[in-house]
Amino acid sequence: LDLNILDFAVWGFLERETNSTPHPNVDSLKASITAAWANMSTDFIRKSCAAFRHRVDAAIEAKGGYKK
């Protein structure tokens, strides 16, 4: 089980938002990531946290082992 706090949905959102145009430098990319993070909806974050909680419960149930 993947217990990465930043759910793949969050990473995917940030990637889609920040990679839609090329960035000429690292500062531009950082600014784009910061803006995308600030524009992420509360509902989206809440749903991502709920999905994480579900994975934590599954990991506890599996005693840290593998679970399909």
N, C-alpha and C. Protein backbone atom coordinates (compact mmCIF):
# COMPACT_ATOMS: atom_id res chain seq x y z
N LEU A 1 0.84 -1.19 0.00
CA LEU A 1 0.00 0.00 0.00
C LEU A 1 0.87 1.24 0.00
N ASP A 2 0.48 2.21 -0.79
CA ASP A 2 1.22 3.46 -0.86
C ASP A 2 0.64 4.42 0.17
N LEU A 3 1.44 4.81 1.13
CA LEU A 3 0.98 5.73 2.15
C LEU A 3 1.59 7.12 1.96
N ASN A 4 1.77 7.49 0.72
CA ASN A 4 2.27 8.81 0.39
C ASN A 4 1.17 9.83 0.71
N ILE A 5 1.47 10.79 1.56
CA ILE A 5 0.46 11.77 1.95
C ILE A 5 -0.05 12.55 0.75
N LEU A 6 0.84 12.94 -0.14
CA LEU A 6 0.39 13.64 -1.34
C LEU A 6 -0.10 12.61 -2.33
N ASP A 7 -1.36 12.35 -2.25
CA ASP A 7 -2.01 11.37 -3.11
C ASP A 7 -1.66 11.62 -4.57
N PHE A 8 -1.70 10.56 -5.36
CA PHE A 8 -1.41 10.69 -6.78
C PHE A 8 -2.34 11.70 -7.45
N ALA A 9 -3.54 11.86 -6.94
CA ALA A 9 -4.46 12.85 -7.50
C ALA A 9 -3.89 14.26 -7.34
N VAL A 10 -3.28 14.53 -6.18
CA VAL A 10 -2.69 15.85 -5.94
C VAL A 10 -1.50 16.06 -6.87
N TRP A 11 -0.62 15.06 -6.94
CA TRP A 11 0.54 15.18 -7.85
C TRP A 11 0.06 15.36 -9.28
N GLY A 12 -0.94 14.59 -9.69
CA GLY A 12 -1.47 14.69 -11.04
C GLY A 12 -2.05 16.06 -11.33
N PHE A 13 -2.79 16.61 -10.37
CA PHE A 13 -3.35 17.95 -10.53
C PHE A 13 -2.24 18.97 -10.72
N LEU A 14 -1.24 18.93 -9.84
CA LEU A 14 -0.14 19.89 -9.94
C LEU A 14 0.61 19.75 -11.26
N GLU A 15 0.82 18.51 -11.67
CA GLU A 15 1.53 18.28 -12.93
C GLU A 15 0.74 18.83 -14.11
N ARG A 16 -0.55 18.56 -14.16
CA ARG A 16 -1.39 19.07 -15.26
C ARG A 16 -1.39 20.59 -15.29
N GLU A 17 -1.51 21.20 -14.12
CA GLU A 17 -1.58 22.66 -14.04
C GLU A 17 -0.25 23.33 -14.38
N THR A 18 0.84 22.72 -13.99
CA THR A 18 2.14 23.38 -14.15
C THR A 18 2.85 23.03 -15.45
N ASN A 19 2.48 21.93 -16.07
CA ASN A 19 3.18 21.50 -17.29
C ASN A 19 2.43 21.85 -18.56
N SER A 20 1.38 22.66 -18.44
CA SER A 20 0.61 23.01 -19.64
C SER A 20 1.40 23.94 -20.56
N THR A 21 2.37 24.65 -20.00
CA THR A 21 3.25 25.50 -20.80
C THR A 21 4.68 25.30 -20.33
N PRO A 22 5.64 25.46 -21.24
CA PRO A 22 7.05 25.31 -20.83
C PRO A 22 7.48 26.46 -19.90
N HIS A 23 8.39 26.16 -19.03
CA HIS A 23 8.92 27.17 -18.10
C HIS A 23 10.36 27.47 -18.49
N PRO A 24 10.70 28.75 -18.60
CA PRO A 24 12.05 29.13 -19.02
C PRO A 24 13.11 28.91 -17.95
N ASN A 25 12.66 28.79 -16.68
CA ASN A 25 13.63 28.61 -15.59
C ASN A 25 12.94 28.02 -14.36
N VAL A 26 13.73 27.69 -13.38
CA VAL A 26 13.21 27.05 -12.17
C VAL A 26 12.29 27.98 -11.40
N ASP A 27 12.62 29.26 -11.36
CA ASP A 27 11.77 30.21 -10.64
C ASP A 27 10.36 30.26 -11.24
N SER A 28 10.27 30.19 -12.55
CA SER A 28 8.97 30.17 -13.22
C SER A 28 8.19 28.92 -12.84
N LEU A 29 8.86 27.79 -12.81
CA LEU A 29 8.21 26.53 -12.43
C LEU A 29 7.73 26.59 -10.98
N LYS A 30 8.58 27.10 -10.09
CA LYS A 30 8.20 27.22 -8.68
C LYS A 30 6.98 28.12 -8.52
N ALA A 31 6.95 29.23 -9.24
CA ALA A 31 5.80 30.14 -9.17
C ALA A 31 4.53 29.46 -9.67
N SER A 32 4.67 28.67 -10.71
CA SER A 32 3.52 27.96 -11.27
C SER A 32 3.00 26.91 -10.29
N ILE A 33 3.89 26.19 -9.64
CA ILE A 33 3.49 25.19 -8.64
C ILE A 33 2.80 25.87 -7.46
N THR A 34 3.35 26.97 -6.99
CA THR A 34 2.76 27.71 -5.87
C THR A 34 1.36 28.20 -6.22
N ALA A 35 1.19 28.72 -7.42
CA ALA A 35 -0.13 29.21 -7.85
C ALA A 35 -1.13 28.06 -7.97
N ALA A 36 -0.68 26.95 -8.55
CA ALA A 36 -1.58 25.79 -8.69
C ALA A 36 -2.00 25.27 -7.32
N TRP A 37 -1.06 25.21 -6.39
CA TRP A 37 -1.37 24.74 -5.04
C TRP A 37 -2.41 25.66 -4.39
N ALA A 38 -2.23 26.97 -4.55
CA ALA A 38 -3.15 27.94 -3.96
C ALA A 38 -4.54 27.85 -4.58
N ASN A 39 -4.61 27.43 -5.84
CA ASN A 39 -5.89 27.34 -6.54
C ASN A 39 -6.59 26.00 -6.38
N MET A 40 -5.97 25.07 -5.68
CA MET A 40 -6.57 23.75 -5.47
C MET A 40 -7.79 23.91 -4.56
N SER A 41 -8.90 23.34 -4.96
CA SER A 41 -10.14 23.52 -4.18
C SER A 41 -10.09 22.75 -2.86
N THR A 42 -10.79 23.29 -1.89
CA THR A 42 -10.89 22.64 -0.59
C THR A 42 -11.54 21.27 -0.72
N ASP A 43 -12.53 21.16 -1.57
CA ASP A 43 -13.22 19.88 -1.78
C ASP A 43 -12.25 18.83 -2.33
N PHE A 44 -11.42 19.23 -3.28
CA PHE A 44 -10.43 18.31 -3.86
C PHE A 44 -9.46 17.83 -2.79
N ILE A 45 -8.98 18.75 -1.96
CA ILE A 45 -8.05 18.39 -0.88
C ILE A 45 -8.74 17.46 0.12
N ARG A 46 -9.99 17.76 0.47
CA ARG A 46 -10.74 16.92 1.40
C ARG A 46 -10.88 15.50 0.87
N LYS A 47 -11.22 15.37 -0.42
CA LYS A 47 -11.37 14.04 -1.02
C LYS A 47 -10.04 13.29 -1.06
N SER A 48 -8.96 14.00 -1.32
CA SER A 48 -7.64 13.37 -1.34
C SER A 48 -7.26 12.88 0.05
N CYS A 49 -7.58 13.67 1.07
CA CYS A 49 -7.30 13.26 2.46
C CYS A 49 -8.14 12.04 2.84
N ALA A 50 -9.39 12.00 2.39
CA ALA A 50 -10.26 10.86 2.69
C ALA A 50 -9.70 9.60 2.04
N ALA A 51 -9.20 9.72 0.82
CA ALA A 51 -8.60 8.56 0.14
C ALA A 51 -7.36 8.08 0.89
N PHE A 52 -6.58 9.03 1.41
CA PHE A 52 -5.39 8.67 2.19
C PHE A 52 -5.81 7.93 3.46
N ARG A 53 -6.84 8.43 4.12
CA ARG A 53 -7.31 7.78 5.35
C ARG A 53 -7.74 6.34 5.07
N HIS A 54 -8.39 6.13 3.94
CA HIS A 54 -8.81 4.78 3.55
C HIS A 54 -7.58 3.87 3.40
N ARG A 55 -6.51 4.39 2.80
CA ARG A 55 -5.29 3.58 2.63
C ARG A 55 -4.63 3.29 3.97
N VAL A 56 -4.66 4.26 4.89
CA VAL A 56 -4.10 4.03 6.23
C VAL A 56 -4.87 2.91 6.93
N ASP A 57 -6.20 2.98 6.86
CA ASP A 57 -7.02 1.93 7.48
C ASP A 57 -6.72 0.56 6.88
N ALA A 58 -6.54 0.50 5.56
CA ALA A 58 -6.22 -0.77 4.89
C ALA A 58 -4.85 -1.28 5.33
N ALA A 59 -3.88 -0.37 5.49
CA ALA A 59 -2.54 -0.78 5.94
C ALA A 59 -2.59 -1.33 7.36
N ILE A 60 -3.38 -0.69 8.21
CA ILE A 60 -3.53 -1.17 9.59
C ILE A 60 -4.17 -2.55 9.58
N GLU A 61 -5.21 -2.71 8.78
CA GLU A 61 -5.90 -4.00 8.69
C GLU A 61 -4.96 -5.09 8.19
N ALA A 62 -4.08 -4.76 7.26
CA ALA A 62 -3.14 -5.74 6.70
C ALA A 62 -1.89 -5.87 7.56
N LYS A 63 -1.87 -5.17 8.69
CA LYS A 63 -0.71 -5.17 9.60
C LYS A 63 0.57 -4.80 8.85
N GLY A 64 0.44 -3.83 7.94
CA GLY A 64 1.59 -3.33 7.20
C GLY A 64 1.98 -4.19 6.02
N GLY A 65 1.30 -5.30 5.82
CA GLY A 65 1.64 -6.20 4.71
C GLY A 65 0.99 -5.79 3.40
N TYR A 66 1.13 -6.64 2.43
CA TYR A 66 0.59 -6.39 1.09
C TYR A 66 -0.91 -6.62 1.08
N LYS A 67 -1.61 -5.77 0.40
CA LYS A 67 -3.06 -5.92 0.26
C LYS A 67 -3.45 -5.48 -1.14
N LYS A 68 -4.28 -6.30 -1.80
CA LYS A 68 -4.72 -5.96 -3.16
C LYS A 68 -5.82 -4.94 -3.12
